[in-house]
Amino acid sequence: MAYRASHRFARISPRKVRPLANLIRGRRADEALALLRYQPQRGARMLEKVLRSAIANAEYQNERNLRQLVVVDARVDQGPMLKRIQPRARGMAYLIRRRMSHIHIAVDVPEQAKSR
């Protein structure tokens, strides 16, 4: 059973967070936290919070093997856009798109660890 957490409507572009999600996918949860801690990007702080929440969900649901949790799913989806208009020369207007993202993380214990 995978333990999930998500941060919806995060005020950051998904394009900025996806490389970090790819970095932690498939790694052990404590290793992923250590990797995110030393990344300078703002999206790493958001991913770190969501990962901590997924681990806390596993702990709350009485998972015994917290040290063996693995990030099985790290996904960043496009959220809604706030659209703003910026005036330009000669009466024209440019559209500014403030993008949002939905960050989803799932952690689970691998099958070989469950059978022990």
C-alpha atoms as a PDB file:
ATOM      1  CA  MET A   1       0.000   0.000   0.000  1.00  0.00           C
ATOM      2  CA  ALA A   2       1.520   3.293  -1.087  1.00  0.00           C
ATOM      3  CA  TYR A   3       1.387   6.279   1.244  1.00  0.00           C
ATOM      4  CA  ARG A   4       0.654   9.494  -0.613  1.00  0.00           C
ATOM      5  CA  ALA A   5       0.918  13.232  -0.103  1.00  0.00           C
ATOM      6  CA  SER A   6       0.341  16.142  -2.435  1.00  0.00           C
ATOM      7  CA  HIS A   7       0.724  19.885  -2.643  1.00  0.00           C
ATOM      8  CA  ARG A   8      -1.888  21.281  -4.960  1.00  0.00           C
ATOM      9  CA  PHE A   9      -1.841  24.765  -6.458  1.00  0.00           C
ATOM     10  CA  ALA A  10       1.849  25.311  -5.699  1.00  0.00           C
ATOM     11  CA  ARG A  11       2.840  28.727  -7.044  1.00  0.00           C
ATOM     12  CA  ILE A  12       5.754  27.493  -9.132  1.00  0.00           C
ATOM     13  CA  SER A  13       6.011  26.370 -12.714  1.00  0.00           C
ATOM     14  CA  PRO A  14       5.996  22.572 -13.115  1.00  0.00           C
ATOM     15  CA  ARG A  15       8.919  22.862 -15.501  1.00  0.00           C
ATOM     16  CA  LYS A  16      11.106  24.062 -12.626  1.00  0.00           C
ATOM     17  CA  VAL A  17      10.128  21.216 -10.268  1.00  0.00           C
ATOM     18  CA  ARG A  18      10.093  18.220 -12.645  1.00  0.00           C
ATOM     19  CA  PRO A  19      13.897  17.735 -12.793  1.00  0.00           C
ATOM     20  CA  LEU A  20      13.957  17.524  -8.998  1.00  0.00           C
ATOM     21  CA  ALA A  21      11.097  15.009  -8.988  1.00  0.00           C
ATOM     22  CA  ASN A  22      13.012  12.912 -11.524  1.00  0.00           C
ATOM     23  CA  LEU A  23      16.037  13.095  -9.238  1.00  0.00           C
ATOM     24  CA  ILE A  24      14.278  11.473  -6.256  1.00  0.00           C
ATOM     25  CA  ARG A  25      12.003   8.980  -8.029  1.00  0.00           C
ATOM     26  CA  GLY A  26      13.019   5.389  -7.192  1.00  0.00           C
ATOM     27  CA  ARG A  27      15.330   6.328  -4.312  1.00  0.00           C
ATOM     28  CA  ARG A  28      14.968   5.539  -0.621  1.00  0.00           C
ATOM     29  CA  ALA A  29      13.024   8.226   1.227  1.00  0.00           C
ATOM     30  CA  ASP A  30      15.831   9.245   3.594  1.00  0.00           C
ATOM     31  CA  GLU A  31      18.285   9.442   0.688  1.00  0.00           C
ATOM     32  CA  ALA A  32      15.812  11.571  -1.284  1.00  0.00           C
ATOM     33  CA  LEU A  33      15.439  13.940   1.682  1.00  0.00           C
ATOM     34  CA  ALA A  34      19.217  14.291   1.894  1.00  0.00           C
ATOM     35  CA  LEU A  35      19.421  15.043  -1.837  1.00  0.00           C
ATOM     36  CA  LEU A  36      16.693  17.680  -1.688  1.00  0.00           C
ATOM     37  CA  ARG A  37      18.178  19.341   1.379  1.00  0.00           C
ATOM     38  CA  TYR A  38      21.276  20.401  -0.572  1.00  0.00           C
ATOM     39  CA  GLN A  39      19.569  21.510  -3.769  1.00  0.00           C
ATOM     40  CA  PRO A  40      19.478  25.315  -4.090  1.00  0.00           C
ATOM     41  CA  GLN A  41      16.168  25.522  -5.996  1.00  0.00           C
ATOM     42  CA  ARG A  42      12.959  26.783  -4.414  1.00  0.00           C
ATOM     43  CA  GLY A  43      11.083  23.757  -5.773  1.00  0.00           C
ATOM     44  CA  ALA A  44      13.314  21.482  -3.707  1.00  0.00           C
ATOM     45  CA  ARG A  45      11.850  22.993  -0.514  1.00  0.00           C
ATOM     46  CA  MET A  46       8.323  22.241  -1.757  1.00  0.00           C
ATOM     47  CA  LEU A  47       9.209  18.665  -2.737  1.00  0.00           C
ATOM     48  CA  GLU A  48      10.926  18.155   0.615  1.00  0.00           C
ATOM     49  CA  LYS A  49       7.791  19.210   2.503  1.00  0.00           C
ATOM     50  CA  VAL A  50       5.575  16.902   0.456  1.00  0.00           C
ATOM     51  CA  LEU A  51       7.993  13.990   0.929  1.00  0.00           C
ATOM     52  CA  ARG A  52       8.068  14.582   4.689  1.00  0.00           C
ATOM     53  CA  SER A  53       4.263  14.587   4.668  1.00  0.00           C
ATOM     54  CA  ALA A  54       4.142  11.248   2.794  1.00  0.00           C
ATOM     55  CA  ILE A  55       6.564   9.731   5.335  1.00  0.00           C
ATOM     56  CA  ALA A  56       4.429  11.091   8.187  1.00  0.00           C
ATOM     57  CA  ASN A  57       1.345   9.545   6.563  1.00  0.00           C
ATOM     58  CA  ALA A  58       3.117   6.182   6.527  1.00  0.00           C
ATOM     59  CA  GLU A  59       4.054   6.586  10.182  1.00  0.00           C
ATOM     60  CA  TYR A  60       0.511   7.580  11.110  1.00  0.00           C
ATOM     61  CA  GLN A  61      -0.894   4.473   9.409  1.00  0.00           C
ATOM     62  CA  ASN A  62       1.413   2.255  11.499  1.00  0.00           C
ATOM     63  CA  GLU A  63       4.001   1.364   8.865  1.00  0.00           C
ATOM     64  CA  ARG A  64       6.769  -0.522  10.657  1.00  0.00           C
ATOM     65  CA  ASN A  65       9.528  -0.277   8.047  1.00  0.00           C
ATOM     66  CA  LEU A  66       9.994   3.514   7.879  1.00  0.00           C
ATOM     67  CA  ARG A  67      13.721   3.149   7.131  1.00  0.00           C
ATOM     68  CA  GLN A  68      12.967   1.079   4.012  1.00  0.00           C
ATOM     69  CA  LEU A  69      10.451   3.438   2.386  1.00  0.00           C
ATOM     70  CA  VAL A  70      11.093   4.101  -1.307  1.00  0.00           C
ATOM     71  CA  VAL A  71       9.739   6.961  -3.423  1.00  0.00           C
ATOM     72  CA  VAL A  72       7.636   4.990  -5.908  1.00  0.00           C
ATOM     73  CA  ASP A  73       5.918   7.983  -7.524  1.00  0.00           C
ATOM     74  CA  ALA A  74       7.069  11.599  -7.766  1.00  0.00           C
ATOM     75  CA  ARG A  75       4.886  13.515 -10.186  1.00  0.00           C
ATOM     76  CA  VAL A  76       4.493  17.217 -10.980  1.00  0.00           C
ATOM     77  CA  ASP A  77       1.399  18.114 -12.987  1.00  0.00           C
ATOM     78  CA  GLN A  78       0.294  21.387 -14.531  1.00  0.00           C
ATOM     79  CA  GLY A  79      -2.209  23.334 -12.435  1.00  0.00           C
ATOM     80  CA  PRO A  80      -4.349  26.301 -13.438  1.00  0.00           C
ATOM     81  CA  MET A  81      -2.795  29.529 -14.722  1.00  0.00           C
ATOM     82  CA  LEU A  82      -3.363  33.032 -13.470  1.00  0.00           C
ATOM     83  CA  LYS A  83      -3.480  35.254 -16.542  1.00  0.00           C
ATOM     84  CA  ARG A  84      -2.325  38.847 -16.292  1.00  0.00           C
ATOM     85  CA  ILE A  85      -1.962  41.521 -18.930  1.00  0.00           C
ATOM     86  CA  GLN A  86       1.104  43.738 -19.251  1.00  0.00           C
ATOM     87  CA  PRO A  87       0.786  46.907 -21.328  1.00  0.00           C
ATOM     88  CA  ARG A  88       3.302  47.268 -24.153  1.00  0.00           C
ATOM     89  CA  ALA A  89       4.211  49.889 -26.714  1.00  0.00           C
ATOM     90  CA  ARG A  90       1.672  51.324 -29.214  1.00  0.00           C
ATOM     91  CA  GLY A  91      -1.359  50.184 -27.212  1.00  0.00           C
ATOM     92  CA  MET A  92      -0.596  46.466 -27.386  1.00  0.00           C
ATOM     93  CA  ALA A  93      -0.809  44.054 -24.476  1.00  0.00           C
ATOM     94  CA  TYR A  94       1.229  40.966 -23.609  1.00  0.00           C
ATOM     95  CA  LEU A  95      -0.247  38.066 -21.702  1.00  0.00           C
ATOM     96  CA  ILE A  96       1.630  37.003 -18.559  1.00  0.00           C
ATOM     97  CA  ARG A  97       0.905  33.446 -17.447  1.00  0.00           C
ATOM     98  CA  ARG A  98       1.535  32.728 -13.754  1.00  0.00           C
ATOM     99  CA  ARG A  99       1.733  28.964 -13.699  1.00  0.00           C
ATOM    100  CA  MET A 100       0.816  26.635 -10.852  1.00  0.00           C
ATOM    101  CA  SER A 101       1.590  22.987 -10.331  1.00  0.00           C
ATOM    102  CA  HIS A 102       0.296  19.985  -8.435  1.00  0.00           C
ATOM    103  CA  ILE A 103       3.062  18.002  -6.695  1.00  0.00           C
ATOM    104  CA  HIS A 104       2.279  14.351  -5.863  1.00  0.00           C
ATOM    105  CA  ILE A 105       4.580  11.933  -4.027  1.00  0.00           C
ATOM    106  CA  ALA A 106       3.955   8.303  -3.035  1.00  0.00           C
ATOM    107  CA  VAL A 107       6.236   6.193  -0.841  1.00  0.00           C
ATOM    108  CA  ASP A 108       6.025   2.465  -0.236  1.00  0.00           C
ATOM    109  CA  VAL A 109       8.050  -0.424   1.165  1.00  0.00           C
ATOM    110  CA  PRO A 110       9.521  -2.710  -1.548  1.00  0.00           C
ATOM    111  CA  GLU A 111       8.069  -6.208  -1.910  1.00  0.00           C
ATOM    112  CA  GLN A 112      11.166  -8.081  -0.695  1.00  0.00           C
ATOM    113  CA  ALA A 113      11.181  -6.029   2.520  1.00  0.00           C
ATOM    114  CA  LYS A 114       7.475  -6.732   3.106  1.00  0.00           C
ATOM    115  CA  SER A 115       7.952 -10.507   2.985  1.00  0.00           C
ATOM    116  CA  ARG A 116      10.569 -10.480   5.764  1.00  0.00           C
END
